[in-house]
Amino acid sequence: AEFLKKVALVISKRVGGTSGPLWGTAFLRASGAVKDRPELDAADAVAMLRAAAEGIKARGKSDLGDKTLLDALIPMTDALEQRLAEGGPGADASELARLAAATARTAADATTSMQARRGRQSYTGERSIGSPDPGAVAVAVMAERVAAEWDARD
């Protein structure tokens, strides 16, 4: 929790535009979801992701379907939560990481056909249709990197 809080402060101070406050809020909320926890498990990861998404929703006044990073983050979190419910807390971490990456990528790609309603792309109106949301793609790339690194560890 302390590490995530420090990351939030660094991001908030050093990343410009709207991204700094949004990502800073995400990490700060994730930190709050696991404070006082000496060890983390998969359910804690879901709680951190859910808290991060809720923080982004509140800070950015956005939601699922607005063509933002939430359009990858929320489906990814939902898929992890569902898999944990089906398989219990003993689900393989590598499998969960790959599921997160695949779900985030599919969801990010699905933003291509959407019209942006929030964020910088919303200024372009209908012209935002035809390209994926950069924030959603960023979530997919991060999830893919986590999955690749997790697989390399095993």
N, C-alpha and C. Protein backbone atom coordinates (compact mmCIF):
# COMPACT_ATOMS: atom_id res chain seq x y z
N ALA A 1 0.83 -1.19 0.00
CA ALA A 1 0.00 0.00 0.00
C ALA A 1 0.88 1.26 0.00
N GLU A 2 1.94 1.23 0.76
CA GLU A 2 2.84 2.41 0.82
C GLU A 2 3.51 2.64 -0.53
N PHE A 3 3.93 1.55 -1.17
CA PHE A 3 4.56 1.68 -2.49
C PHE A 3 3.59 2.31 -3.49
N LEU A 4 2.36 1.82 -3.51
CA LEU A 4 1.36 2.36 -4.44
C LEU A 4 1.09 3.83 -4.15
N LYS A 5 1.09 4.20 -2.89
CA LYS A 5 0.87 5.60 -2.52
C LYS A 5 2.01 6.47 -3.04
N LYS A 6 3.24 5.97 -2.94
CA LYS A 6 4.39 6.72 -3.46
C LYS A 6 4.32 6.85 -4.98
N VAL A 7 3.93 5.78 -5.64
CA VAL A 7 3.77 5.82 -7.09
C VAL A 7 2.72 6.86 -7.47
N ALA A 8 1.62 6.90 -6.74
CA ALA A 8 0.56 7.87 -7.00
C ALA A 8 1.08 9.30 -6.91
N LEU A 9 1.89 9.57 -5.89
CA LEU A 9 2.42 10.92 -5.72
C LEU A 9 3.38 11.30 -6.85
N VAL A 10 4.24 10.37 -7.24
CA VAL A 10 5.18 10.64 -8.33
C VAL A 10 4.43 10.90 -9.63
N ILE A 11 3.47 10.05 -9.94
CA ILE A 11 2.69 10.21 -11.18
C ILE A 11 1.95 11.54 -11.16
N SER A 12 1.30 11.84 -10.07
CA SER A 12 0.53 13.08 -9.97
C SER A 12 1.39 14.32 -10.19
N LYS A 13 2.62 14.27 -9.70
CA LYS A 13 3.51 15.42 -9.80
C LYS A 13 4.22 15.52 -11.15
N ARG A 14 4.49 14.39 -11.78
CA ARG A 14 5.37 14.40 -12.95
C ARG A 14 4.70 14.14 -14.29
N VAL A 15 3.50 13.59 -14.30
CA VAL A 15 2.84 13.30 -15.56
C VAL A 15 1.87 14.44 -15.85
N GLY A 16 2.01 15.03 -17.02
CA GLY A 16 1.22 16.20 -17.36
C GLY A 16 -0.16 15.89 -17.86
N GLY A 17 -0.89 16.95 -18.14
CA GLY A 17 -2.23 16.84 -18.68
C GLY A 17 -3.18 16.21 -17.68
N THR A 18 -4.18 15.55 -18.21
CA THR A 18 -5.18 14.88 -17.39
C THR A 18 -4.69 13.52 -16.91
N SER A 19 -3.74 12.95 -17.63
CA SER A 19 -3.27 11.60 -17.30
C SER A 19 -2.67 11.52 -15.90
N GLY A 20 -1.90 12.51 -15.51
CA GLY A 20 -1.26 12.49 -14.19
C GLY A 20 -2.28 12.37 -13.06
N PRO A 21 -3.25 13.27 -13.01
CA PRO A 21 -4.25 13.16 -11.95
C PRO A 21 -5.07 11.87 -12.01
N LEU A 22 -5.41 11.41 -13.23
CA LEU A 22 -6.20 10.18 -13.34
C LEU A 22 -5.43 8.97 -12.86
N TRP A 23 -4.20 8.80 -13.37
CA TRP A 23 -3.40 7.65 -12.95
C TRP A 23 -2.99 7.77 -11.48
N GLY A 24 -2.70 9.00 -11.03
CA GLY A 24 -2.38 9.20 -9.63
C GLY A 24 -3.53 8.78 -8.73
N THR A 25 -4.73 9.16 -9.11
CA THR A 25 -5.92 8.76 -8.36
C THR A 25 -6.08 7.25 -8.38
N ALA A 26 -5.84 6.64 -9.53
CA ALA A 26 -5.97 5.18 -9.63
C ALA A 26 -5.04 4.47 -8.65
N PHE A 27 -3.78 4.89 -8.63
CA PHE A 27 -2.82 4.24 -7.73
C PHE A 27 -3.13 4.54 -6.26
N LEU A 28 -3.60 5.75 -5.98
CA LEU A 28 -3.94 6.10 -4.61
C LEU A 28 -5.13 5.29 -4.11
N ARG A 29 -6.13 5.15 -4.96
CA ARG A 29 -7.29 4.34 -4.58
C ARG A 29 -6.91 2.86 -4.42
N ALA A 30 -6.04 2.38 -5.31
CA ALA A 30 -5.58 0.99 -5.19
C ALA A 30 -4.86 0.79 -3.86
N SER A 31 -4.05 1.77 -3.49
CA SER A 31 -3.34 1.72 -2.21
C SER A 31 -4.32 1.62 -1.05
N GLY A 32 -5.35 2.44 -1.10
CA GLY A 32 -6.35 2.43 -0.03
C GLY A 32 -7.10 1.12 0.09
N ALA A 33 -7.23 0.41 -1.01
CA ALA A 33 -7.96 -0.86 -1.01
C ALA A 33 -7.21 -1.96 -0.26
N VAL A 34 -5.90 -1.80 -0.11
CA VAL A 34 -5.12 -2.87 0.53
C VAL A 34 -4.29 -2.37 1.72
N LYS A 35 -4.63 -1.20 2.23
CA LYS A 35 -3.87 -0.72 3.38
C LYS A 35 -4.05 -1.70 4.54
N ASP A 36 -3.01 -1.80 5.33
CA ASP A 36 -2.98 -2.71 6.48
C ASP A 36 -2.99 -4.18 6.11
N ARG A 37 -2.69 -4.50 4.84
CA ARG A 37 -2.61 -5.89 4.41
C ARG A 37 -1.14 -6.28 4.31
N PRO A 38 -0.68 -7.24 5.11
CA PRO A 38 0.73 -7.62 5.04
C PRO A 38 1.10 -8.40 3.78
N GLU A 39 0.14 -9.13 3.22
CA GLU A 39 0.35 -9.90 1.99
C GLU A 39 -0.88 -9.74 1.11
N LEU A 40 -0.66 -9.86 -0.20
CA LEU A 40 -1.75 -9.69 -1.15
C LEU A 40 -2.04 -10.99 -1.90
N ASP A 41 -3.29 -11.19 -2.24
CA ASP A 41 -3.66 -12.34 -3.06
C ASP A 41 -4.45 -11.85 -4.27
N ALA A 42 -4.96 -12.78 -5.05
CA ALA A 42 -5.66 -12.41 -6.29
C ALA A 42 -6.90 -11.58 -6.01
N ALA A 43 -7.61 -11.88 -4.94
CA ALA A 43 -8.80 -11.09 -4.60
C ALA A 43 -8.41 -9.65 -4.27
N ASP A 44 -7.25 -9.48 -3.65
CA ASP A 44 -6.77 -8.12 -3.37
C ASP A 44 -6.44 -7.39 -4.66
N ALA A 45 -5.90 -8.10 -5.64
CA ALA A 45 -5.60 -7.48 -6.93
C ALA A 45 -6.88 -6.97 -7.58
N VAL A 46 -7.94 -7.77 -7.51
CA VAL A 46 -9.23 -7.35 -8.05
C VAL A 46 -9.74 -6.13 -7.28
N ALA A 47 -9.61 -6.15 -5.97
CA ALA A 47 -10.06 -5.02 -5.16
C ALA A 47 -9.29 -3.75 -5.52
N MET A 48 -7.98 -3.88 -5.76
CA MET A 48 -7.17 -2.73 -6.15
C MET A 48 -7.61 -2.19 -7.51
N LEU A 49 -7.81 -3.09 -8.46
CA LEU A 49 -8.24 -2.67 -9.80
C LEU A 49 -9.62 -2.02 -9.76
N ARG A 50 -10.51 -2.59 -8.96
CA ARG A 50 -11.87 -2.03 -8.84
C ARG A 50 -11.81 -0.63 -8.21
N ALA A 51 -11.00 -0.49 -7.16
CA ALA A 51 -10.86 0.81 -6.51
C ALA A 51 -10.24 1.83 -7.47
N ALA A 52 -9.25 1.40 -8.24
CA ALA A 52 -8.62 2.29 -9.23
C ALA A 52 -9.66 2.76 -10.25
N ALA A 53 -10.46 1.83 -10.75
CA ALA A 53 -11.49 2.19 -11.74
C ALA A 53 -12.50 3.16 -11.14
N GLU A 54 -12.91 2.93 -9.92
CA GLU A 54 -13.87 3.83 -9.28
C GLU A 54 -13.28 5.22 -9.10
N GLY A 55 -11.99 5.28 -8.76
CA GLY A 55 -11.32 6.57 -8.62
C GLY A 55 -11.24 7.31 -9.94
N ILE A 56 -10.94 6.59 -11.00
CA ILE A 56 -10.87 7.20 -12.33
C ILE A 56 -12.25 7.69 -12.76
N LYS A 57 -13.27 6.88 -12.49
CA LYS A 57 -14.64 7.29 -12.82
C LYS A 57 -14.97 8.62 -12.14
N ALA A 58 -14.69 8.70 -10.85
CA ALA A 58 -15.02 9.90 -10.09
C ALA A 58 -14.19 11.10 -10.54
N ARG A 59 -12.90 10.90 -10.69
CA ARG A 59 -12.01 12.00 -11.06
C ARG A 59 -12.26 12.49 -12.47
N GLY A 60 -12.49 11.56 -13.39
CA GLY A 60 -12.67 11.92 -14.79
C GLY A 60 -14.11 12.12 -15.21
N LYS A 61 -15.03 11.90 -14.26
CA LYS A 61 -16.46 12.00 -14.56
C LYS A 61 -16.79 11.19 -15.82
N SER A 62 -16.32 9.95 -15.82
CA SER A 62 -16.50 9.08 -16.97
C SER A 62 -16.94 7.70 -16.51
N ASP A 63 -17.30 6.87 -17.46
CA ASP A 63 -17.76 5.53 -17.13
C ASP A 63 -17.52 4.61 -18.33
N LEU A 64 -17.83 3.38 -18.15
CA LEU A 64 -17.74 2.38 -19.20
C LEU A 64 -18.58 2.86 -20.39
N GLY A 65 -18.01 2.78 -21.59
CA GLY A 65 -18.72 3.18 -22.79
C GLY A 65 -18.40 4.60 -23.26
N ASP A 66 -17.59 5.33 -22.48
CA ASP A 66 -17.22 6.69 -22.86
C ASP A 66 -15.98 6.74 -23.74
N LYS A 67 -15.44 5.59 -24.09
CA LYS A 67 -14.21 5.46 -24.88
C LYS A 67 -13.03 6.08 -24.12
N THR A 68 -12.76 5.46 -22.97
CA THR A 68 -11.63 5.85 -22.14
C THR A 68 -10.91 4.60 -21.69
N LEU A 69 -9.89 4.76 -20.88
CA LEU A 69 -9.17 3.61 -20.35
C LEU A 69 -10.06 2.69 -19.54
N LEU A 70 -11.18 3.21 -19.04
CA LEU A 70 -12.12 2.38 -18.29
C LEU A 70 -12.70 1.26 -19.15
N ASP A 71 -12.75 1.48 -20.47
CA ASP A 71 -13.31 0.48 -21.37
C ASP A 71 -12.42 -0.75 -21.50
N ALA A 72 -11.20 -0.68 -21.03
CA ALA A 72 -10.33 -1.86 -20.94
C ALA A 72 -10.18 -2.30 -19.48
N LEU A 73 -10.06 -1.33 -18.58
CA LEU A 73 -9.81 -1.64 -17.17
C LEU A 73 -10.98 -2.37 -16.52
N ILE A 74 -12.18 -1.91 -16.77
CA ILE A 74 -13.35 -2.53 -16.13
C ILE A 74 -13.60 -3.95 -16.65
N PRO A 75 -13.62 -4.19 -17.97
CA PRO A 75 -13.80 -5.57 -18.44
C PRO A 75 -12.69 -6.51 -17.95
N MET A 76 -11.46 -6.01 -17.90
CA MET A 76 -10.35 -6.82 -17.40
C MET A 76 -10.60 -7.21 -15.94
N THR A 77 -11.01 -6.24 -15.14
CA THR A 77 -11.28 -6.50 -13.73
C THR A 77 -12.45 -7.45 -13.57
N ASP A 78 -13.49 -7.25 -14.36
CA ASP A 78 -14.66 -8.15 -14.31
C ASP A 78 -14.27 -9.58 -14.65
N ALA A 79 -13.43 -9.74 -15.68
CA ALA A 79 -13.01 -11.09 -16.10
C ALA A 79 -12.20 -11.77 -15.00
N LEU A 80 -11.32 -11.03 -14.36
CA LEU A 80 -10.53 -11.60 -13.26
C LEU A 80 -11.44 -12.00 -12.09
N GLU A 81 -12.36 -11.12 -11.76
CA GLU A 81 -13.28 -11.40 -10.65
C GLU A 81 -14.13 -12.64 -10.94
N GLN A 82 -14.61 -12.74 -12.18
CA GLN A 82 -15.42 -13.90 -12.57
C GLN A 82 -14.60 -15.18 -12.52
N ARG A 83 -13.37 -15.13 -13.03
CA ARG A 83 -12.51 -16.32 -13.02
C ARG A 83 -12.21 -16.76 -11.60
N LEU A 84 -11.97 -15.81 -10.71
CA LEU A 84 -11.72 -16.15 -9.31
C LEU A 84 -12.95 -16.78 -8.67
N ALA A 85 -14.12 -16.28 -9.00
CA ALA A 85 -15.35 -16.83 -8.46
C ALA A 85 -15.57 -18.26 -8.94
N GLU A 86 -15.18 -18.53 -10.17
CA GLU A 86 -15.34 -19.87 -10.75
C GLU A 86 -14.31 -20.85 -10.21
N GLY A 87 -13.07 -20.37 -10.06
CA GLY A 87 -11.99 -21.27 -9.71
C GLY A 87 -11.46 -21.13 -8.30
N GLY A 88 -12.02 -20.23 -7.54
CA GLY A 88 -11.55 -20.05 -6.17
C GLY A 88 -10.24 -19.30 -6.11
N PRO A 89 -9.79 -19.00 -4.91
CA PRO A 89 -8.58 -18.19 -4.73
C PRO A 89 -7.30 -18.87 -5.18
N GLY A 90 -7.33 -20.18 -5.44
CA GLY A 90 -6.13 -20.90 -5.84
C GLY A 90 -5.84 -20.86 -7.33
N ALA A 91 -6.53 -20.00 -8.07
CA ALA A 91 -6.31 -19.91 -9.51
C ALA A 91 -4.86 -19.55 -9.79
N ASP A 92 -4.30 -20.14 -10.84
CA ASP A 92 -2.92 -19.94 -11.22
C ASP A 92 -2.67 -18.49 -11.61
N ALA A 93 -1.64 -17.87 -11.02
CA ALA A 93 -1.35 -16.45 -11.27
C ALA A 93 -1.01 -16.18 -12.73
N SER A 94 -0.26 -17.06 -13.37
CA SER A 94 0.07 -16.87 -14.78
C SER A 94 -1.19 -16.89 -15.65
N GLU A 95 -2.08 -17.81 -15.34
CA GLU A 95 -3.34 -17.90 -16.09
C GLU A 95 -4.15 -16.61 -15.90
N LEU A 96 -4.21 -16.11 -14.69
CA LEU A 96 -4.95 -14.89 -14.41
C LEU A 96 -4.33 -13.69 -15.15
N ALA A 97 -3.02 -13.62 -15.17
CA ALA A 97 -2.34 -12.53 -15.87
C ALA A 97 -2.62 -12.59 -17.37
N ARG A 98 -2.60 -13.80 -17.94
CA ARG A 98 -2.90 -13.94 -19.36
C ARG A 98 -4.35 -13.59 -19.66
N LEU A 99 -5.26 -13.98 -18.77
CA LEU A 99 -6.67 -13.63 -18.93
C LEU A 99 -6.84 -12.12 -18.89
N ALA A 100 -6.18 -11.47 -17.96
CA ALA A 100 -6.27 -10.01 -17.86
C ALA A 100 -5.76 -9.36 -19.14
N ALA A 101 -4.63 -9.82 -19.64
CA ALA A 101 -4.05 -9.25 -20.85
C ALA A 101 -4.96 -9.45 -22.06
N ALA A 102 -5.46 -10.65 -22.23
CA ALA A 102 -6.31 -10.94 -23.39
C ALA A 102 -7.61 -10.14 -23.32
N THR A 103 -8.19 -10.05 -22.15
CA THR A 103 -9.44 -9.31 -21.99
C THR A 103 -9.22 -7.82 -22.24
N ALA A 104 -8.14 -7.29 -21.68
CA ALA A 104 -7.85 -5.86 -21.87
C ALA A 104 -7.59 -5.54 -23.34
N ARG A 105 -6.86 -6.42 -24.04
CA ARG A 105 -6.58 -6.18 -25.46
C ARG A 105 -7.87 -6.20 -26.28
N THR A 106 -8.70 -7.21 -26.05
CA THR A 106 -9.97 -7.30 -26.77
C THR A 106 -10.83 -6.08 -26.51
N ALA A 107 -10.90 -5.66 -25.27
CA ALA A 107 -11.71 -4.50 -24.90
C ALA A 107 -11.14 -3.21 -25.50
N ALA A 108 -9.81 -3.08 -25.47
CA ALA A 108 -9.19 -1.88 -26.05
C ALA A 108 -9.46 -1.82 -27.55
N ASP A 109 -9.32 -2.95 -28.23
CA ASP A 109 -9.60 -3.00 -29.67
C ASP A 109 -11.05 -2.63 -29.97
N ALA A 110 -11.96 -3.01 -29.06
CA ALA A 110 -13.39 -2.74 -29.26
C ALA A 110 -13.70 -1.25 -29.17
N THR A 111 -12.81 -0.45 -28.61
CA THR A 111 -13.06 1.00 -28.55
C THR A 111 -12.92 1.66 -29.92
N THR A 112 -12.34 0.96 -30.88
CA THR A 112 -12.14 1.51 -32.22
C THR A 112 -13.45 1.98 -32.85
N SER A 113 -14.50 1.24 -32.66
CA SER A 113 -15.78 1.57 -33.28
C SER A 113 -16.62 2.55 -32.45
N MET A 114 -16.10 2.95 -31.31
CA MET A 114 -16.86 3.84 -30.43
C MET A 114 -16.57 5.32 -30.74
N GLN A 115 -17.51 6.17 -30.38
CA GLN A 115 -17.29 7.62 -30.44
C GLN A 115 -16.93 8.07 -29.03
N ALA A 116 -15.84 8.80 -28.91
CA ALA A 116 -15.38 9.27 -27.60
C ALA A 116 -16.34 10.29 -27.02
N ARG A 117 -16.68 10.07 -25.75
CA ARG A 117 -17.55 11.01 -25.05
C ARG A 117 -16.84 11.74 -23.93
N ARG A 118 -15.64 11.29 -23.58
CA ARG A 118 -14.83 11.94 -22.54
C ARG A 118 -13.40 11.96 -23.02
N GLY A 119 -12.61 12.79 -22.41
CA GLY A 119 -11.19 12.86 -22.73
C GLY A 119 -10.90 13.67 -23.97
N ARG A 120 -9.63 13.75 -24.30
CA ARG A 120 -9.18 14.57 -25.41
C ARG A 120 -9.82 14.16 -26.73
N GLN A 121 -9.99 12.85 -26.94
CA GLN A 121 -10.59 12.39 -28.21
C GLN A 121 -12.02 12.88 -28.39
N SER A 122 -12.70 13.18 -27.30
CA SER A 122 -14.10 13.62 -27.42
C SER A 122 -14.21 14.93 -28.18
N TYR A 123 -13.13 15.72 -28.21
CA TYR A 123 -13.15 16.99 -28.94
C TYR A 123 -13.31 16.78 -30.45
N THR A 124 -12.96 15.58 -30.92
CA THR A 124 -13.02 15.32 -32.35
C THR A 124 -14.36 14.75 -32.80
N GLY A 125 -15.25 14.50 -31.86
CA GLY A 125 -16.59 14.00 -32.19
C GLY A 125 -16.55 12.70 -32.97
N GLU A 126 -17.27 12.66 -34.10
CA GLU A 126 -17.37 11.44 -34.89
C GLU A 126 -16.04 11.00 -35.48
N ARG A 127 -15.10 11.92 -35.60
CA ARG A 127 -13.79 11.55 -36.13
C ARG A 127 -13.03 10.63 -35.18
N SER A 128 -13.49 10.53 -33.92
CA SER A 128 -12.83 9.62 -32.99
C SER A 128 -13.15 8.16 -33.31
N ILE A 129 -14.18 7.95 -34.12
CA ILE A 129 -14.54 6.59 -34.55
C ILE A 129 -13.49 6.13 -35.56
N GLY A 130 -12.98 4.94 -35.36
CA GLY A 130 -12.00 4.38 -36.29
C GLY A 130 -10.62 4.20 -35.70
N SER A 131 -10.40 4.73 -34.51
CA SER A 131 -9.12 4.50 -33.83
C SER A 131 -9.39 4.10 -32.39
N PRO A 132 -8.56 3.22 -31.85
CA PRO A 132 -8.78 2.78 -30.47
C PRO A 132 -8.44 3.90 -29.49
N ASP A 133 -9.02 3.84 -28.31
CA ASP A 133 -8.71 4.82 -27.28
C ASP A 133 -7.29 4.58 -26.77
N PRO A 134 -6.47 5.62 -26.73
CA PRO A 134 -5.08 5.45 -26.27
C PRO A 134 -4.97 4.97 -24.82
N GLY A 135 -5.86 5.43 -23.96
CA GLY A 135 -5.82 4.97 -22.56
C GLY A 135 -6.17 3.50 -22.44
N ALA A 136 -7.15 3.06 -23.21
CA ALA A 136 -7.52 1.64 -23.20
C ALA A 136 -6.38 0.79 -23.73
N VAL A 137 -5.72 1.28 -24.78
CA VAL A 137 -4.56 0.56 -25.33
C VAL A 137 -3.45 0.51 -24.29
N ALA A 138 -3.25 1.60 -23.55
CA ALA A 138 -2.21 1.62 -22.50
C ALA A 138 -2.50 0.57 -21.44
N VAL A 139 -3.76 0.42 -21.05
CA VAL A 139 -4.12 -0.61 -20.07
C VAL A 139 -3.79 -1.99 -20.64
N ALA A 140 -4.12 -2.22 -21.91
CA ALA A 140 -3.83 -3.51 -22.54
C ALA A 140 -2.33 -3.78 -22.57
N VAL A 141 -1.55 -2.78 -22.95
CA VAL A 141 -0.09 -2.95 -23.02
C VAL A 141 0.47 -3.27 -21.63
N MET A 142 0.01 -2.56 -20.62
CA MET A 142 0.49 -2.84 -19.25
C MET A 142 0.12 -4.27 -18.82
N ALA A 143 -1.10 -4.67 -19.10
CA ALA A 143 -1.53 -6.02 -18.73
C ALA A 143 -0.72 -7.07 -19.50
N GLU A 144 -0.43 -6.81 -20.77
CA GLU A 144 0.37 -7.74 -21.56
C GLU A 144 1.79 -7.85 -21.01
N ARG A 145 2.35 -6.74 -20.57
CA ARG A 145 3.70 -6.77 -19.99
C ARG A 145 3.72 -7.55 -18.69
N VAL A 146 2.70 -7.34 -17.86
CA VAL A 146 2.61 -8.10 -16.60
C VAL A 146 2.54 -9.59 -16.91
N ALA A 147 1.70 -9.97 -17.86
CA ALA A 147 1.55 -11.38 -18.22
C ALA A 147 2.86 -11.95 -18.74
N ALA A 148 3.55 -11.20 -19.61
CA ALA A 148 4.82 -11.68 -20.17
C ALA A 148 5.87 -11.84 -19.08
N GLU A 149 5.95 -10.90 -18.18
CA GLU A 149 6.93 -10.99 -17.09
C GLU A 149 6.58 -12.11 -16.13
N TRP A 150 5.31 -12.30 -15.88
CA TRP A 150 4.88 -13.38 -14.98
C TRP A 150 5.24 -14.73 -15.58
N ASP A 151 4.98 -14.89 -16.89
CA ASP A 151 5.34 -16.14 -17.57
C ASP A 151 6.84 -16.36 -17.53
N ALA A 152 7.63 -15.29 -17.67
CA ALA A 152 9.09 -15.42 -17.64
C ALA A 152 9.59 -15.86 -16.28
N ARG A 153 8.86 -15.51 -15.23
CA ARG A 153 9.24 -15.90 -13.86
C ARG A 153 9.00 -17.39 -13.64
N ASP A 154 7.95 -17.94 -14.29
CA ASP A 154 7.57 -19.35 -14.05
C ASP A 154 8.43 -20.29 -14.77
